[in-house]
Amino acid sequence: PSSLHKRPSARAVNQHPLSACFFFAPPAFGAGAAPATFKQRSGSTATLRRLLFALFYAVAVQASGGQSSGGRAGGGWRRFFDWAHFRRVLIAFRAATLAASLYSAGYAAGVSYSARDPEGTRKEQLLAVIRNMGAVNEDGTPKLMAMSSQEVAAVRQVFPKVLRAARAELAELKAELEKKMQVDKPSAQEFADEMKQLESARVQLENWREDGFLVLDDDSPNAFVHQFVPRIIFVHRGLFWRQALAQLDQPPRVGTQVTVLKAGNVWEWVEIKRVLSASEVLIRCADGSERQCAVSELRGVEKREGVVQSNEQLGLLLGHELSHVIHNHEDDRAAVLATAAGCQLVLLALLDPTGVLSLVADFCTGVLARFAVYMPTSRQHELEADATGLRIAARAGFDPCLAPRLFDRMAAHEEENSRQTGRVVPSWASTHPRSEDRAAALMEAVQGASELFERSLADQAVQDAFTSFNSSRSGGVSRFFRPR
């Protein structure tokens, strides 16, 4: 109908069916609000259902003259069933159905593709994740640290303990949830989704091998888990030490690998072929060409300390990543993105395509969803993983009082990086909280984690005493079972 393309008046804009929808939006989509516990989180289907109900309710209230109930019989509701108002509801419902269909179709396609060749799909996804991180050589092969390197040895020493502690932490969470279900039986159904998530995490941790990690030869201080490649922790070499460019005081020796600045502010590796003078050398570039270069233009690479300097800090880091698996954070983030995209489709389907409001919504809804929904949720997930990671590290026998120093070193690294690049990312525009805030939050959780640490030390002492007694010269307890 031609009425679809008419420019709305000021009064029509104020009475638009969507003008009231934001008053009915669920609390999880407010600025700064984010899920903190299992009970506060829900799947994408439930969240999308609540949002769509708010949109439909807003349409109905506006169409009925602002009367949600009561009022004159049939007055406002007859207008609701007029074609103009009914069309809006129909379009909103159709857009929501299409969004859910796309989500289901993509999920089904992914499951089908993965089921055909599980090992091949896992390898393909693994290489894709490494490429996205930029940790690849010129020939496209992954840049991995050698198995004999100190970095791999450090992770190999700490990770098995952290993995066993994570399984114990998950078992305690399940036991607490079962007690709640027994005490509060009327609300037992509400805990069903939480128990399902914990069971899914239990399966992952039980099938996680003690060598389920990769140390990438990447200079950034980072570690992460990825939902496309389960049961693997990616650890960057930059956590242990990193490379930094340093001014050369004298000409380097022949055959030394140094860097020189190319066009476009890009540093290129070159080789010293000959020392011409105290201030000039002959270099060979990557393409095989040779040219003279001033020593002042060259930079050497020096090794600097990273942010992880002890097993306690490494234990907290690995426990943090396993906490993302326990709390199902990756699926939650995907659900938030899918829900936000579905709501955008509904909004764009309802708005007038020729109006200014539609143009603003088209450009702003994505930005609003990112900064008002996704990033606050991600920051809350990080704080939750920090607290659980500290408990896991304490269960693994690492002193929780020493672990929070990891974020003190991380804060120093961020300050140095900001000073070099001249860029400071505000916390509201980041997926992670400020390192200072994370360190302060962990110090508040140290007391509870210290009890787990003391219990872990006591259990370890009993186990060591039993092992020592059993392996003594007298044969230990085995002598009581020898046949006479």
Protein backbone atom coordinates (compact mmCIF):
# COMPACT_ATOMS: atom_id res chain seq x y z
CA PRO A 1 0.00 0.00 0.00
CA SER A 2 1.09 3.55 -0.69
CA SER A 3 0.77 4.37 3.02
CA LEU A 4 3.96 2.41 3.63
CA HIS A 5 5.98 5.04 1.81
CA LYS A 6 4.42 8.17 3.30
CA ARG A 7 6.70 10.28 5.47
CA PRO A 8 5.30 10.13 9.03
CA SER A 9 4.32 13.31 10.80
CA ALA A 10 5.80 14.39 14.13
CA ARG A 11 2.75 13.08 15.95
CA ALA A 12 2.96 9.79 14.07
CA VAL A 13 6.58 9.39 15.07
CA ASN A 14 5.74 9.97 18.74
CA GLN A 15 2.95 7.39 18.51
CA HIS A 16 5.09 4.83 16.68
CA PRO A 17 4.51 1.28 18.01
CA LEU A 18 8.18 0.99 18.96
CA SER A 19 8.28 4.18 21.00
CA ALA A 20 7.49 2.25 24.19
CA CYS A 21 9.39 -0.96 23.54
CA PHE A 22 12.52 0.09 25.39
CA PHE A 23 10.57 0.47 28.63
CA PHE A 24 9.83 -3.25 28.51
CA ALA A 25 13.36 -4.42 27.60
CA PRO A 26 14.77 -7.09 29.97
CA PRO A 27 17.30 -5.93 32.58
CA ALA A 28 20.15 -7.90 30.97
CA PHE A 29 20.17 -5.42 28.07
CA GLY A 30 20.59 -2.27 30.12
CA ALA A 31 23.84 -0.33 30.17
CA GLY A 32 26.28 -1.89 32.55
CA ALA A 33 24.00 -4.82 33.39
CA ALA A 34 25.39 -8.24 32.60
CA PRO A 35 24.84 -11.81 33.74
CA ALA A 36 26.97 -12.74 36.74
CA THR A 37 25.77 -16.19 37.72
CA PHE A 38 24.24 -19.22 36.10
CA LYS A 39 20.81 -18.28 37.37
CA GLN A 40 20.95 -14.85 35.75
CA ARG A 41 21.97 -16.21 32.35
CA SER A 42 19.70 -17.76 29.77
CA GLY A 43 19.94 -19.06 26.24
CA SER A 44 19.39 -17.07 23.10
CA THR A 45 15.90 -18.53 22.56
CA ALA A 46 14.56 -17.41 25.95
CA THR A 47 16.13 -13.96 25.68
CA LEU A 48 14.84 -13.44 22.16
CA ARG A 49 11.38 -14.57 23.28
CA ARG A 50 11.33 -11.94 26.04
CA LEU A 51 12.47 -9.18 23.70
CA LEU A 52 9.95 -10.08 21.03
CA PHE A 53 7.20 -10.16 23.65
CA ALA A 54 8.21 -6.63 24.66
CA LEU A 55 8.03 -5.50 21.03
CA PHE A 56 4.64 -7.11 20.43
CA TYR A 57 3.27 -5.73 23.69
CA ALA A 58 4.42 -2.23 22.75
CA VAL A 59 2.71 -2.55 19.37
CA ALA A 60 -0.52 -3.74 21.00
CA VAL A 61 -0.53 -0.98 23.64
CA GLN A 62 0.07 1.76 21.10
CA ALA A 63 -2.50 0.32 18.71
CA SER A 64 -5.16 0.09 21.44
CA GLY A 65 -4.76 3.70 22.38
CA GLY A 66 -2.39 3.07 25.29
CA GLN A 67 -4.79 0.80 27.21
CA SER A 68 -3.21 -2.56 28.03
CA SER A 69 -6.37 -3.68 29.85
CA GLY A 70 -9.77 -2.32 30.68
CA GLY A 71 -11.12 0.78 28.97
CA ARG A 72 -14.03 0.98 26.63
CA ALA A 73 -14.92 -2.36 25.13
CA GLY A 74 -13.66 -2.70 21.60
CA GLY A 75 -12.69 0.94 21.09
CA GLY A 76 -8.92 0.69 20.89
CA TRP A 77 -8.69 -2.99 20.02
CA ARG A 78 -10.74 -2.48 16.86
CA ARG A 79 -7.96 -0.19 15.69
CA PHE A 80 -5.44 -2.89 16.54
CA PHE A 81 -7.07 -5.22 14.03
CA ASP A 82 -7.00 -2.55 11.34
CA TRP A 83 -4.69 -3.48 8.50
CA ALA A 84 -2.06 -0.82 9.31
CA HIS A 85 -1.51 -2.01 12.89
CA PHE A 86 -1.96 -5.69 12.20
CA ARG A 87 0.63 -5.41 9.44
CA ARG A 88 3.24 -4.19 11.91
CA VAL A 89 2.66 -7.14 14.21
CA LEU A 90 2.74 -9.53 11.27
CA ILE A 91 6.01 -8.06 9.95
CA ALA A 92 7.62 -8.20 13.41
CA PHE A 93 6.58 -11.81 13.88
CA ARG A 94 7.80 -12.75 10.41
CA ALA A 95 11.19 -11.06 10.95
CA ALA A 96 11.64 -12.83 14.28
CA THR A 97 10.71 -16.16 12.71
CA LEU A 98 13.22 -15.65 9.90
CA ALA A 99 15.95 -14.71 12.38
CA ALA A 100 15.30 -17.87 14.42
CA SER A 101 15.21 -19.94 11.22
CA LEU A 102 18.57 -18.57 10.09
CA TYR A 103 20.09 -19.33 13.48
CA SER A 104 18.71 -22.88 13.45
CA ALA A 105 19.80 -23.48 9.85
CA GLY A 106 23.33 -22.30 10.58
CA TYR A 107 23.54 -24.48 13.68
CA ALA A 108 22.25 -27.53 11.79
CA ALA A 109 24.69 -26.95 8.93
CA GLY A 110 27.59 -26.69 11.37
CA VAL A 111 26.63 -29.88 13.18
CA SER A 112 26.20 -31.75 9.89
CA TYR A 113 29.51 -30.53 8.50
CA SER A 114 31.35 -31.43 11.68
CA ALA A 115 29.75 -34.89 11.93
CA ARG A 116 30.96 -35.94 8.47
CA ASP A 117 34.64 -35.64 9.35
CA PRO A 118 35.16 -34.76 13.04
CA GLU A 119 38.95 -34.95 13.01
CA GLY A 120 39.31 -33.12 9.72
CA THR A 121 36.89 -30.40 10.81
CA ARG A 122 38.72 -29.96 14.13
CA LYS A 123 42.07 -29.62 12.35
CA GLU A 124 40.62 -27.14 9.87
CA GLN A 125 39.10 -25.02 12.64
CA LEU A 126 42.33 -25.19 14.61
CA LEU A 127 44.35 -23.83 11.69
CA ALA A 128 41.71 -21.15 11.06
CA VAL A 129 41.93 -19.91 14.67
CA ILE A 130 45.74 -19.79 14.53
CA ARG A 131 45.63 -17.89 11.22
CA ASN A 132 43.18 -15.37 12.66
CA MET A 133 45.66 -14.73 15.46
CA GLY A 134 48.42 -14.14 12.89
CA ALA A 135 50.64 -16.87 14.37
CA VAL A 136 51.65 -18.36 11.01
CA ASN A 137 54.88 -18.51 9.03
CA GLU A 138 55.28 -17.23 5.49
CA ASP A 139 54.39 -20.67 4.11
CA GLY A 140 51.15 -20.74 6.13
CA THR A 141 52.29 -23.25 8.78
CA PRO A 142 51.52 -22.47 12.45
CA LYS A 143 54.21 -20.77 14.52
CA LEU A 144 54.47 -23.09 17.51
CA MET A 145 57.07 -23.20 20.24
CA ALA A 146 59.24 -26.33 20.25
CA MET A 147 58.17 -29.11 22.60
CA SER A 148 61.58 -28.83 24.29
CA SER A 149 61.23 -25.09 24.95
CA GLN A 150 61.02 -23.68 28.48
CA GLU A 151 57.60 -22.20 27.77
CA VAL A 152 56.08 -25.56 26.83
CA ALA A 153 57.76 -27.19 29.82
CA ALA A 154 56.29 -24.58 32.18
CA VAL A 155 52.75 -25.13 30.89
CA ARG A 156 53.23 -28.92 30.92
CA GLN A 157 54.19 -28.74 34.60
CA VAL A 158 51.26 -26.57 35.74
CA PHE A 159 48.35 -27.47 33.47
CA PRO A 160 47.66 -31.05 34.70
CA LYS A 161 47.28 -29.78 38.27
CA VAL A 162 44.98 -26.98 37.16
CA LEU A 163 42.89 -29.35 35.05
CA ARG A 164 42.32 -31.72 38.01
CA ALA A 165 41.46 -28.76 40.22
CA ALA A 166 38.96 -27.47 37.64
CA ARG A 167 37.21 -30.85 37.67
CA ALA A 168 37.00 -30.66 41.47
CA GLU A 169 35.61 -27.11 41.30
CA LEU A 170 32.96 -28.21 38.83
CA ALA A 171 32.00 -31.18 41.00
CA GLU A 172 31.46 -28.83 43.96
CA LEU A 173 29.32 -26.49 41.86
CA LYS A 174 27.14 -29.42 40.80
CA ALA A 175 26.81 -30.62 44.41
CA GLU A 176 25.72 -27.14 45.55
CA LEU A 177 23.17 -26.93 42.75
CA GLU A 178 21.75 -30.37 43.62
CA LYS A 179 21.29 -29.25 47.22
CA LYS A 180 19.38 -26.18 46.04
CA MET A 181 17.14 -28.36 43.90
CA GLN A 182 16.35 -30.61 46.87
CA VAL A 183 15.64 -27.73 49.24
CA ASP A 184 13.67 -25.60 46.78
CA LYS A 185 11.76 -28.26 44.85
CA PRO A 186 9.17 -25.85 43.33
CA SER A 187 12.06 -24.04 41.62
CA ALA A 188 13.85 -27.23 40.58
CA GLN A 189 12.83 -26.76 36.96
CA GLU A 190 14.50 -23.36 36.90
CA PHE A 191 17.82 -25.02 37.76
CA ALA A 192 17.48 -27.57 34.94
CA ASP A 193 19.26 -25.36 32.40
CA GLU A 194 22.05 -24.63 34.87
CA MET A 195 22.54 -28.33 35.55
CA LYS A 196 22.58 -28.99 31.80
CA GLN A 197 25.33 -26.41 31.33
CA LEU A 198 27.38 -27.86 34.17
CA GLU A 199 27.00 -31.35 32.74
CA SER A 200 28.19 -30.12 29.35
CA ALA A 201 31.23 -28.54 31.00
CA ARG A 202 31.89 -31.76 32.94
CA VAL A 203 32.02 -33.76 29.71
CA GLN A 204 34.51 -31.31 28.26
CA LEU A 205 36.80 -31.34 31.29
CA GLU A 206 36.66 -35.12 31.64
CA ASN A 207 37.72 -35.55 28.00
CA TRP A 208 40.35 -32.80 28.20
CA ARG A 209 43.82 -34.33 27.94
CA GLU A 210 46.66 -33.15 30.15
CA ASP A 211 48.57 -32.09 27.04
CA GLY A 212 45.55 -30.21 25.64
CA PHE A 213 47.33 -26.92 25.05
CA LEU A 214 49.33 -25.16 22.34
CA VAL A 215 52.03 -22.53 22.92
CA LEU A 216 52.04 -20.14 19.95
CA ASP A 217 55.17 -18.21 19.03
CA ASP A 218 53.37 -14.89 19.25
CA ASP A 219 54.65 -11.77 20.97
CA SER A 220 51.34 -10.66 22.50
CA PRO A 221 50.68 -11.60 26.17
CA ASN A 222 47.51 -13.58 25.64
CA ALA A 223 45.81 -16.91 26.31
CA PHE A 224 42.36 -18.04 25.27
CA VAL A 225 39.96 -20.90 24.60
CA HIS A 226 37.78 -21.04 21.48
CA GLN A 227 34.35 -22.60 21.11
CA PHE A 228 35.20 -23.89 17.62
CA VAL A 229 38.19 -25.84 18.97
CA PRO A 230 37.12 -27.30 22.33
CA ARG A 231 39.51 -28.90 24.82
CA ILE A 232 42.54 -26.81 23.81
CA ILE A 233 44.05 -23.79 25.56
CA PHE A 234 46.02 -21.44 23.33
CA VAL A 235 48.94 -19.82 25.17
CA HIS A 236 51.10 -17.10 23.62
CA ARG A 237 54.84 -17.04 24.11
CA GLY A 238 54.52 -13.31 24.89
CA LEU A 239 53.20 -14.20 28.33
CA PHE A 240 56.66 -15.48 29.30
CA TRP A 241 58.90 -13.13 27.34
CA ARG A 242 58.53 -10.77 24.44
CA GLN A 243 60.66 -9.16 21.82
CA ALA A 244 61.35 -5.44 21.74
CA LEU A 245 63.26 -3.26 19.28
CA ALA A 246 66.27 -1.41 20.68
CA GLN A 247 68.55 1.28 19.27
CA LEU A 248 72.03 0.00 18.26
CA ASP A 249 75.04 1.75 19.82
CA GLN A 250 77.56 0.22 17.43
CA PRO A 251 77.56 -1.67 14.13
CA PRO A 252 76.38 -5.27 14.55
CA ARG A 253 78.55 -8.21 13.55
CA VAL A 254 78.42 -9.70 10.07
CA GLY A 255 75.61 -12.26 9.75
CA THR A 256 73.49 -10.72 12.52
CA GLN A 257 69.75 -10.48 11.94
CA VAL A 258 68.41 -6.97 12.61
CA THR A 259 65.42 -4.92 11.49
CA VAL A 260 65.14 -1.83 9.34
CA LEU A 261 62.16 0.49 8.81
CA LYS A 262 60.51 0.21 5.41
CA ALA A 263 57.91 2.38 3.73
CA GLY A 264 54.56 2.28 5.46
CA ASN A 265 56.07 2.16 8.96
CA VAL A 266 56.80 -1.58 8.67
CA TRP A 267 59.93 -3.21 10.12
CA GLU A 268 61.70 -5.75 7.92
CA TRP A 269 64.25 -8.38 8.92
CA VAL A 270 67.62 -7.89 7.20
CA GLU A 271 71.08 -9.48 7.46
CA ILE A 272 74.37 -7.65 7.96
CA LYS A 273 76.67 -8.48 5.02
CA ARG A 274 79.57 -6.12 5.69
CA VAL A 275 80.54 -3.34 8.10
CA LEU A 276 81.58 -0.32 6.02
CA SER A 277 82.31 2.12 8.83
CA ALA A 278 81.35 2.94 12.39
CA SER A 279 78.11 4.49 11.14
CA GLU A 280 77.30 2.54 7.96
CA VAL A 281 76.81 -1.12 6.98
CA LEU A 282 75.85 -3.17 3.95
CA ILE A 283 72.59 -5.10 4.47
CA ARG A 284 70.83 -7.85 2.55
CA CYS A 285 67.03 -7.55 2.38
CA ALA A 286 64.45 -10.33 2.30
CA ASP A 287 64.09 -10.08 -1.49
CA GLY A 288 67.85 -10.72 -1.96
CA SER A 289 68.83 -7.15 -2.81
CA GLU A 290 71.72 -5.41 -1.05
CA ARG A 291 72.12 -1.76 -0.11
CA GLN A 292 73.98 0.53 2.22
CA CYS A 293 72.25 1.58 5.41
CA ALA A 294 73.08 3.84 8.34
CA VAL A 295 73.46 2.15 11.72
CA SER A 296 71.00 4.67 13.20
CA GLU A 297 68.26 3.26 10.95
CA LEU A 298 68.70 -0.27 12.30
CA ARG A 299 67.11 -1.78 15.38
CA GLY A 300 68.21 -4.84 17.27
CA VAL A 301 65.82 -7.22 19.00
CA GLU A 302 66.18 -7.69 22.72
CA LYS A 303 64.40 -10.10 25.03
CA ARG A 304 62.23 -8.62 27.78
CA GLU A 305 60.30 -10.19 30.63
CA GLY A 306 56.68 -11.10 30.12
CA VAL A 307 53.77 -10.88 32.54
CA VAL A 308 53.97 -14.47 33.87
CA GLN A 309 56.88 -14.88 36.25
CA SER A 310 55.79 -17.71 38.58
CA ASN A 311 53.76 -20.92 38.68
CA GLU A 312 51.13 -19.16 40.81
CA GLN A 313 50.51 -16.62 38.06
CA LEU A 314 50.49 -19.28 35.36
CA GLY A 315 48.08 -21.37 37.44
CA LEU A 316 45.69 -18.40 37.74
CA LEU A 317 45.92 -17.78 34.00
CA LEU A 318 45.14 -21.38 33.04
CA GLY A 319 42.42 -21.62 35.69
CA HIS A 320 40.87 -18.46 34.26
CA GLU A 321 40.61 -20.04 30.81
CA LEU A 322 39.09 -23.25 32.16
CA SER A 323 36.58 -21.12 34.08
CA HIS A 324 35.22 -19.87 30.77
CA VAL A 325 34.42 -23.50 29.96
CA ILE A 326 32.83 -24.15 33.36
CA HIS A 327 30.57 -21.10 33.12
CA ASN A 328 29.74 -21.63 29.44
CA HIS A 329 30.84 -18.10 28.53
CA GLU A 330 31.55 -18.78 24.86
CA ASP A 331 28.01 -20.01 24.22
CA ASP A 332 26.59 -17.11 26.22
CA ARG A 333 28.45 -14.59 24.08
CA ALA A 334 27.26 -16.27 20.90
CA ALA A 335 23.70 -16.20 22.26
CA VAL A 336 23.98 -12.47 23.02
CA LEU A 337 25.19 -11.73 19.49
CA ALA A 338 22.45 -13.86 17.93
CA THR A 339 19.77 -12.24 20.08
CA ALA A 340 20.99 -8.74 19.30
CA ALA A 341 21.04 -9.52 15.57
CA GLY A 342 17.49 -10.91 15.75
CA CYS A 343 16.24 -7.79 17.51
CA GLN A 344 17.89 -5.60 14.89
CA LEU A 345 16.08 -7.51 12.14
CA VAL A 346 12.75 -6.95 13.88
CA LEU A 347 13.42 -3.22 14.34
CA LEU A 348 14.51 -2.71 10.75
CA ALA A 349 11.49 -4.63 9.48
CA LEU A 350 9.08 -2.39 11.43
CA LEU A 351 10.59 1.00 10.73
CA ASP A 352 9.73 3.11 7.70
CA PRO A 353 12.50 2.46 5.13
CA THR A 354 12.23 6.03 3.77
CA GLY A 355 12.35 7.79 7.12
CA VAL A 356 15.24 9.26 9.05
CA LEU A 357 14.53 7.01 12.03
CA SER A 358 15.14 3.93 9.89
CA LEU A 359 18.45 5.33 8.64
CA VAL A 360 19.62 6.13 12.18
CA ALA A 361 18.52 2.71 13.44
CA ASP A 362 20.34 1.00 10.57
CA PHE A 363 23.66 2.60 11.57
CA CYS A 364 23.21 2.76 15.33
CA THR A 365 21.61 -0.53 16.35
CA GLY A 366 24.79 -2.51 15.68
CA VAL A 367 26.96 -0.06 17.58
CA LEU A 368 24.46 0.10 20.44
CA ALA A 369 24.29 -3.68 20.68
CA ARG A 370 28.08 -3.92 20.80
CA PHE A 371 28.77 -1.25 23.41
CA ALA A 372 25.63 -1.57 25.53
CA VAL A 373 25.18 -5.35 25.48
CA TYR A 374 28.09 -7.41 24.22
CA MET A 375 31.02 -5.59 25.84
CA PRO A 376 29.47 -5.21 29.33
CA THR A 377 28.56 -8.90 29.21
CA SER A 378 32.10 -9.82 28.16
CA ARG A 379 33.65 -7.75 30.97
CA GLN A 380 31.39 -9.41 33.53
CA HIS A 381 32.39 -12.82 32.18
CA GLU A 382 36.06 -11.96 32.63
CA LEU A 383 35.54 -10.95 36.26
CA GLU A 384 33.59 -14.15 36.93
CA ALA A 385 36.35 -16.23 35.30
CA ASP A 386 38.97 -14.42 37.41
CA ALA A 387 37.22 -15.34 40.65
CA THR A 388 36.67 -18.98 39.67
CA GLY A 389 40.19 -19.20 38.23
CA LEU A 390 41.62 -18.08 41.56
CA ARG A 391 39.72 -20.85 43.34
CA ILE A 392 40.96 -23.38 40.81
CA ALA A 393 44.56 -22.24 41.24
CA ALA A 394 44.18 -22.52 45.02
CA ARG A 395 42.79 -26.04 44.70
CA ALA A 396 45.80 -26.90 42.52
CA GLY A 397 48.15 -25.89 45.32
CA PHE A 398 49.17 -22.41 44.14
CA ASP A 399 49.19 -19.63 46.73
CA PRO A 400 46.25 -17.31 45.94
CA CYS A 401 47.98 -14.40 47.66
CA LEU A 402 50.67 -14.40 44.96
CA ALA A 403 48.48 -15.05 41.93
CA PRO A 404 46.84 -11.55 41.64
CA ARG A 405 50.26 -10.05 40.92
CA LEU A 406 49.69 -11.29 37.39
CA PHE A 407 47.36 -8.35 36.76
CA ASP A 408 49.80 -5.89 38.32
CA ARG A 409 52.33 -6.93 35.71
CA MET A 410 49.63 -6.85 33.04
CA ALA A 411 48.76 -3.29 34.02
CA ALA A 412 52.41 -2.27 33.73
CA HIS A 413 52.58 -3.85 30.27
CA GLU A 414 49.44 -2.03 29.15
CA GLU A 415 50.83 1.27 30.40
CA GLU A 416 54.09 0.73 28.53
CA ASN A 417 52.23 -0.25 25.38
CA SER A 418 50.02 2.83 25.59
CA ARG A 419 53.06 5.02 26.04
CA GLN A 420 54.70 3.57 22.92
CA THR A 421 51.64 3.63 20.68
CA GLY A 422 50.03 6.77 22.09
CA ARG A 423 46.64 5.04 22.27
CA VAL A 424 44.59 4.40 25.41
CA VAL A 425 41.52 2.18 25.11
CA PRO A 426 38.85 3.14 27.67
CA SER A 427 37.33 0.33 29.68
CA TRP A 428 33.82 0.90 28.26
CA ALA A 429 35.18 0.21 24.76
CA SER A 430 37.01 -2.99 25.71
CA THR A 431 35.91 -6.60 26.13
CA HIS A 432 38.10 -6.87 29.26
CA PRO A 433 38.03 -4.79 32.46
CA ARG A 434 41.01 -2.66 33.46
CA SER A 435 43.82 -4.75 34.93
CA GLU A 436 43.79 -2.58 38.06
CA ASP A 437 40.10 -3.37 38.60
CA ARG A 438 40.70 -7.08 38.07
CA ALA A 439 43.56 -7.11 40.58
CA ALA A 440 41.43 -5.27 43.16
CA ALA A 441 38.51 -7.70 42.67
CA LEU A 442 40.82 -10.69 43.11
CA MET A 443 42.27 -9.35 46.35
CA GLU A 444 38.75 -9.38 47.77
CA ALA A 445 38.39 -13.06 46.82
CA VAL A 446 41.74 -14.14 48.26
CA GLN A 447 40.35 -15.00 51.69
CA GLY A 448 37.88 -17.56 50.37
CA ALA A 449 40.49 -19.07 48.04
CA SER A 450 43.03 -19.30 50.88
CA GLU A 451 40.85 -21.88 52.64
CA LEU A 452 40.95 -24.05 49.52
CA PHE A 453 44.71 -23.58 49.34
CA GLU A 454 45.22 -24.74 52.93
CA ARG A 455 42.98 -27.73 52.34
CA SER A 456 44.99 -28.57 49.21
CA LEU A 457 48.27 -28.41 51.16
CA ALA A 458 46.86 -30.70 53.85
CA ASP A 459 45.66 -33.24 51.27
CA GLN A 460 49.01 -33.13 49.52
CA ALA A 461 50.86 -33.67 52.80
CA VAL A 462 48.76 -36.75 53.57
CA GLN A 463 49.33 -38.11 50.09
CA ASP A 464 53.09 -37.53 50.28
CA ALA A 465 53.26 -39.22 53.69
CA PHE A 466 51.35 -42.22 52.43
CA THR A 467 53.55 -42.48 49.33
CA SER A 468 56.70 -42.21 51.39
CA PHE A 469 55.50 -44.84 53.86
CA ASN A 470 54.40 -47.21 51.12
CA SER A 471 57.76 -47.01 49.33
CA SER A 472 59.99 -47.36 52.40
CA ARG A 473 62.55 -50.14 52.78
CA SER A 474 60.30 -52.14 55.05
CA GLY A 475 57.83 -52.54 52.22
CA GLY A 476 55.28 -50.09 53.62
CA VAL A 477 51.71 -51.26 53.95
CA SER A 478 52.33 -53.98 51.38
CA ARG A 479 54.11 -56.12 53.98
CA PHE A 480 50.80 -56.69 55.77
CA PHE A 481 49.46 -58.42 52.66
CA ARG A 482 52.37 -60.74 51.96
CA PRO A 483 51.54 -64.45 52.15
CA ARG A 484 53.08 -66.23 55.11
